[in-house]
């Protein structure tokens, strides 16, 4: 069974930075070739995709985070990252790591002064 475990969330002031990590594990799971993604869900809102990265490193971002967030992966560590800079209050949400058919438990990010 595949497991995704996120870490790195917390409280940060507007304009600050955080780096989220997602560690993947499982017996039948070729991390190197799997598309990984970060989603987020704010209270009262639907879950939305933030960023995706293919096994070869091609990335895509939601318009709301372009130029501020960066997704990356370390295939040797089965880990995907989300570097978040210039954070805004509207970035406040629970952030989830995702691979096809599997979600992490989520990590809370709160941007507030």
C-alpha atoms as a PDB file:
ATOM      1  CA  UNK A   1       0.000   0.000   0.000  1.00  0.00           C
ATOM      2  CA  UNK A   2       1.300   3.446  -0.950  1.00  0.00           C
ATOM      3  CA  UNK A   3       1.641   6.069   1.759  1.00  0.00           C
ATOM      4  CA  UNK A   4       2.280   9.805   1.448  1.00  0.00           C
ATOM      5  CA  UNK A   5       3.358  11.787   4.512  1.00  0.00           C
ATOM      6  CA  UNK A   6       3.533  15.577   4.407  1.00  0.00           C
ATOM      7  CA  UNK A   7       5.500  17.842   6.718  1.00  0.00           C
ATOM      8  CA  UNK A   8       6.652  21.445   6.931  1.00  0.00           C
ATOM      9  CA  UNK A   9       3.433  23.346   7.458  1.00  0.00           C
ATOM     10  CA  UNK A  10       2.973  26.023  10.078  1.00  0.00           C
ATOM     11  CA  UNK A  11       2.231  29.654  10.812  1.00  0.00           C
ATOM     12  CA  UNK A  12       4.078  32.301   8.827  1.00  0.00           C
ATOM     13  CA  UNK A  13       3.705  36.043   8.354  1.00  0.00           C
ATOM     14  CA  UNK A  14       2.692  37.512   5.001  1.00  0.00           C
ATOM     15  CA  UNK A  15       5.705  37.695   2.725  1.00  0.00           C
ATOM     16  CA  UNK A  16       7.357  34.761   4.458  1.00  0.00           C
ATOM     17  CA  UNK A  17       8.385  31.360   3.164  1.00  0.00           C
ATOM     18  CA  UNK A  18       7.775  27.715   3.962  1.00  0.00           C
ATOM     19  CA  UNK A  19       8.935  24.468   2.405  1.00  0.00           C
ATOM     20  CA  UNK A  20       6.621  21.479   2.432  1.00  0.00           C
ATOM     21  CA  UNK A  21       7.889  17.938   2.039  1.00  0.00           C
ATOM     22  CA  UNK A  22       6.052  14.789   1.010  1.00  0.00           C
ATOM     23  CA  UNK A  23       7.704  11.438   1.601  1.00  0.00           C
ATOM     24  CA  UNK A  24       6.355   8.504  -0.394  1.00  0.00           C
ATOM     25  CA  UNK A  25       6.598   4.831   0.438  1.00  0.00           C
ATOM     26  CA  UNK A  26       4.999   1.573  -0.594  1.00  0.00           C
ATOM     27  CA  UNK A  27       5.785  -1.822  -1.943  1.00  0.00           C
ATOM     28  CA  UNK A  28       4.320  -1.342  -5.421  1.00  0.00           C
ATOM     29  CA  UNK A  29       5.240   2.171  -6.370  1.00  0.00           C
ATOM     30  CA  UNK A  30       7.722   3.421  -8.957  1.00  0.00           C
ATOM     31  CA  UNK A  31       8.216   6.923  -7.626  1.00  0.00           C
ATOM     32  CA  UNK A  32      10.610   7.931 -10.388  1.00  0.00           C
ATOM     33  CA  UNK A  33       7.968   7.649 -13.110  1.00  0.00           C
ATOM     34  CA  UNK A  34       4.955   8.853 -11.147  1.00  0.00           C
ATOM     35  CA  UNK A  35       3.412  12.275 -11.556  1.00  0.00           C
ATOM     36  CA  UNK A  36       3.191  13.958  -8.157  1.00  0.00           C
ATOM     37  CA  UNK A  37       1.122  16.962  -7.165  1.00  0.00           C
ATOM     38  CA  UNK A  38       0.322  19.375  -4.375  1.00  0.00           C
ATOM     39  CA  UNK A  39      -3.275  20.401  -3.745  1.00  0.00           C
ATOM     40  CA  UNK A  40      -4.757  22.725  -1.167  1.00  0.00           C
ATOM     41  CA  UNK A  41      -8.126  23.239   0.425  1.00  0.00           C
ATOM     42  CA  UNK A  42      -9.186  26.340   2.308  1.00  0.00           C
ATOM     43  CA  UNK A  43     -12.235  26.337   4.604  1.00  0.00           C
ATOM     44  CA  UNK A  44     -15.415  26.473   2.576  1.00  0.00           C
ATOM     45  CA  UNK A  45     -13.567  25.953  -0.705  1.00  0.00           C
ATOM     46  CA  UNK A  46     -13.066  23.002  -2.995  1.00  0.00           C
ATOM     47  CA  UNK A  47      -9.710  21.273  -3.100  1.00  0.00           C
ATOM     48  CA  UNK A  48      -7.601  22.778  -5.880  1.00  0.00           C
ATOM     49  CA  UNK A  49      -4.387  21.788  -7.586  1.00  0.00           C
ATOM     50  CA  UNK A  50      -1.407  23.976  -6.753  1.00  0.00           C
ATOM     51  CA  UNK A  51       1.448  22.373  -8.684  1.00  0.00           C
ATOM     52  CA  UNK A  52       2.365  19.165 -10.504  1.00  0.00           C
ATOM     53  CA  UNK A  53       5.641  17.551 -11.491  1.00  0.00           C
ATOM     54  CA  UNK A  54       6.266  14.642 -13.838  1.00  0.00           C
ATOM     55  CA  UNK A  55       8.878  11.962 -13.329  1.00  0.00           C
ATOM     56  CA  UNK A  56      11.181  13.810 -15.724  1.00  0.00           C
ATOM     57  CA  UNK A  57      10.715  17.088 -13.861  1.00  0.00           C
ATOM     58  CA  UNK A  58       8.226  18.985 -16.013  1.00  0.00           C
ATOM     59  CA  UNK A  59       6.240  21.329 -13.783  1.00  0.00           C
ATOM     60  CA  UNK A  60       2.922  23.144 -13.925  1.00  0.00           C
ATOM     61  CA  UNK A  61       1.419  25.675 -11.547  1.00  0.00           C
ATOM     62  CA  UNK A  62      -1.890  27.257 -10.727  1.00  0.00           C
ATOM     63  CA  UNK A  63      -1.978  30.861 -11.908  1.00  0.00           C
ATOM     64  CA  UNK A  64      -2.402  32.045  -8.324  1.00  0.00           C
ATOM     65  CA  UNK A  65       1.025  30.699  -7.279  1.00  0.00           C
ATOM     66  CA  UNK A  66       3.124  31.145 -10.430  1.00  0.00           C
ATOM     67  CA  UNK A  67       6.364  32.935  -9.675  1.00  0.00           C
ATOM     68  CA  UNK A  68       6.008  32.344  -5.930  1.00  0.00           C
ATOM     69  CA  UNK A  69       5.885  28.560  -5.487  1.00  0.00           C
ATOM     70  CA  UNK A  70       8.249  25.904  -6.812  1.00  0.00           C
ATOM     71  CA  UNK A  71       7.659  22.159  -6.882  1.00  0.00           C
ATOM     72  CA  UNK A  72      10.608  19.798  -7.037  1.00  0.00           C
ATOM     73  CA  UNK A  73      11.418  16.166  -6.410  1.00  0.00           C
ATOM     74  CA  UNK A  74      14.280  14.020  -5.194  1.00  0.00           C
ATOM     75  CA  UNK A  75      13.767  10.578  -6.712  1.00  0.00           C
ATOM     76  CA  UNK A  76      16.573   9.072  -4.637  1.00  0.00           C
ATOM     77  CA  UNK A  77      14.643  10.001  -1.483  1.00  0.00           C
ATOM     78  CA  UNK A  78      11.128   9.358  -2.852  1.00  0.00           C
ATOM     79  CA  UNK A  79      10.281  12.890  -1.805  1.00  0.00           C
ATOM     80  CA  UNK A  80       8.538  15.828  -3.430  1.00  0.00           C
ATOM     81  CA  UNK A  81       8.819  19.401  -2.171  1.00  0.00           C
ATOM     82  CA  UNK A  82       6.856  22.611  -2.420  1.00  0.00           C
ATOM     83  CA  UNK A  83       8.859  25.773  -1.806  1.00  0.00           C
ATOM     84  CA  UNK A  84       6.449  28.603  -1.043  1.00  0.00           C
ATOM     85  CA  UNK A  85       7.725  32.185  -1.105  1.00  0.00           C
ATOM     86  CA  UNK A  86       6.030  35.564  -0.796  1.00  0.00           C
ATOM     87  CA  UNK A  87       3.167  33.919   1.035  1.00  0.00           C
ATOM     88  CA  UNK A  88      -0.174  35.699   1.201  1.00  0.00           C
ATOM     89  CA  UNK A  89      -3.106  35.291   3.613  1.00  0.00           C
ATOM     90  CA  UNK A  90      -5.083  33.728   0.765  1.00  0.00           C
ATOM     91  CA  UNK A  91      -2.539  30.899   0.650  1.00  0.00           C
ATOM     92  CA  UNK A  92      -3.882  29.716   4.003  1.00  0.00           C
ATOM     93  CA  UNK A  93      -5.145  26.160   3.558  1.00  0.00           C
ATOM     94  CA  UNK A  94      -4.496  22.520   4.254  1.00  0.00           C
ATOM     95  CA  UNK A  95      -1.950  21.342   1.714  1.00  0.00           C
ATOM     96  CA  UNK A  96      -2.114  17.781   0.420  1.00  0.00           C
ATOM     97  CA  UNK A  97       0.373  15.673  -1.445  1.00  0.00           C
ATOM     98  CA  UNK A  98      -1.110  13.507  -4.197  1.00  0.00           C
ATOM     99  CA  UNK A  99      -0.219  10.698  -6.551  1.00  0.00           C
ATOM    100  CA  UNK A 100      -2.842   8.889  -8.630  1.00  0.00           C
ATOM    101  CA  UNK A 101      -5.350   7.278  -6.239  1.00  0.00           C
ATOM    102  CA  UNK A 102      -3.461   8.283  -3.101  1.00  0.00           C
ATOM    103  CA  UNK A 103      -3.669  11.340  -0.829  1.00  0.00           C
ATOM    104  CA  UNK A 104      -1.519  12.352   2.089  1.00  0.00           C
ATOM    105  CA  UNK A 105      -3.076  13.376   5.383  1.00  0.00           C
ATOM    106  CA  UNK A 106      -2.456  17.078   4.767  1.00  0.00           C
ATOM    107  CA  UNK A 107      -0.465  19.779   6.518  1.00  0.00           C
ATOM    108  CA  UNK A 108      -1.857  23.122   7.664  1.00  0.00           C
ATOM    109  CA  UNK A 109      -0.364  26.335   6.312  1.00  0.00           C
ATOM    110  CA  UNK A 110      -1.527  29.558   7.938  1.00  0.00           C
ATOM    111  CA  UNK A 111      -0.388  32.951   6.659  1.00  0.00           C
ATOM    112  CA  UNK A 112      -1.235  35.666   9.142  1.00  0.00           C
ATOM    113  CA  UNK A 113       0.283  38.619  10.936  1.00  0.00           C
END
